Amino acid sequence: MLKTFKFIALLEGISLLVLLFIAMPLKYWLDKPEMVSKVGMAHGVLFILYIVMATVLKNDEKWSWKKYGLICIASVIPFGTFVMEKKLLESKA
């Protein structure tokens, strides 16, 4: 399950970067809002899946509240899920 979570974290991180650095500039600079709705929906679904899986893994893996909190916060910071995966989850495959 941890391996699946890492994959979801990767996808969630990529979707956030695409939303912030591709879709949003297209919306505001080129007046093309359709990308934001598509990428935004995908990112929203991945974000919810990420948080639900983190919550399940907190119990399964016996994570501390601090680790769990850092993992959740990482999901709203650009590049956060990539750093989280390396720093907080590197000890487990």
Foldseek 3Di string as FASTA:
>chain_A
DVVVLLVLLVVLLVLVCCLVPPQVCCCPVVVDNPVNVVSVVVNVVSLVVNLVVLVVCCVVVVPDPVLSVQCNVLSVDRCSSVVNCVPVVVVDD
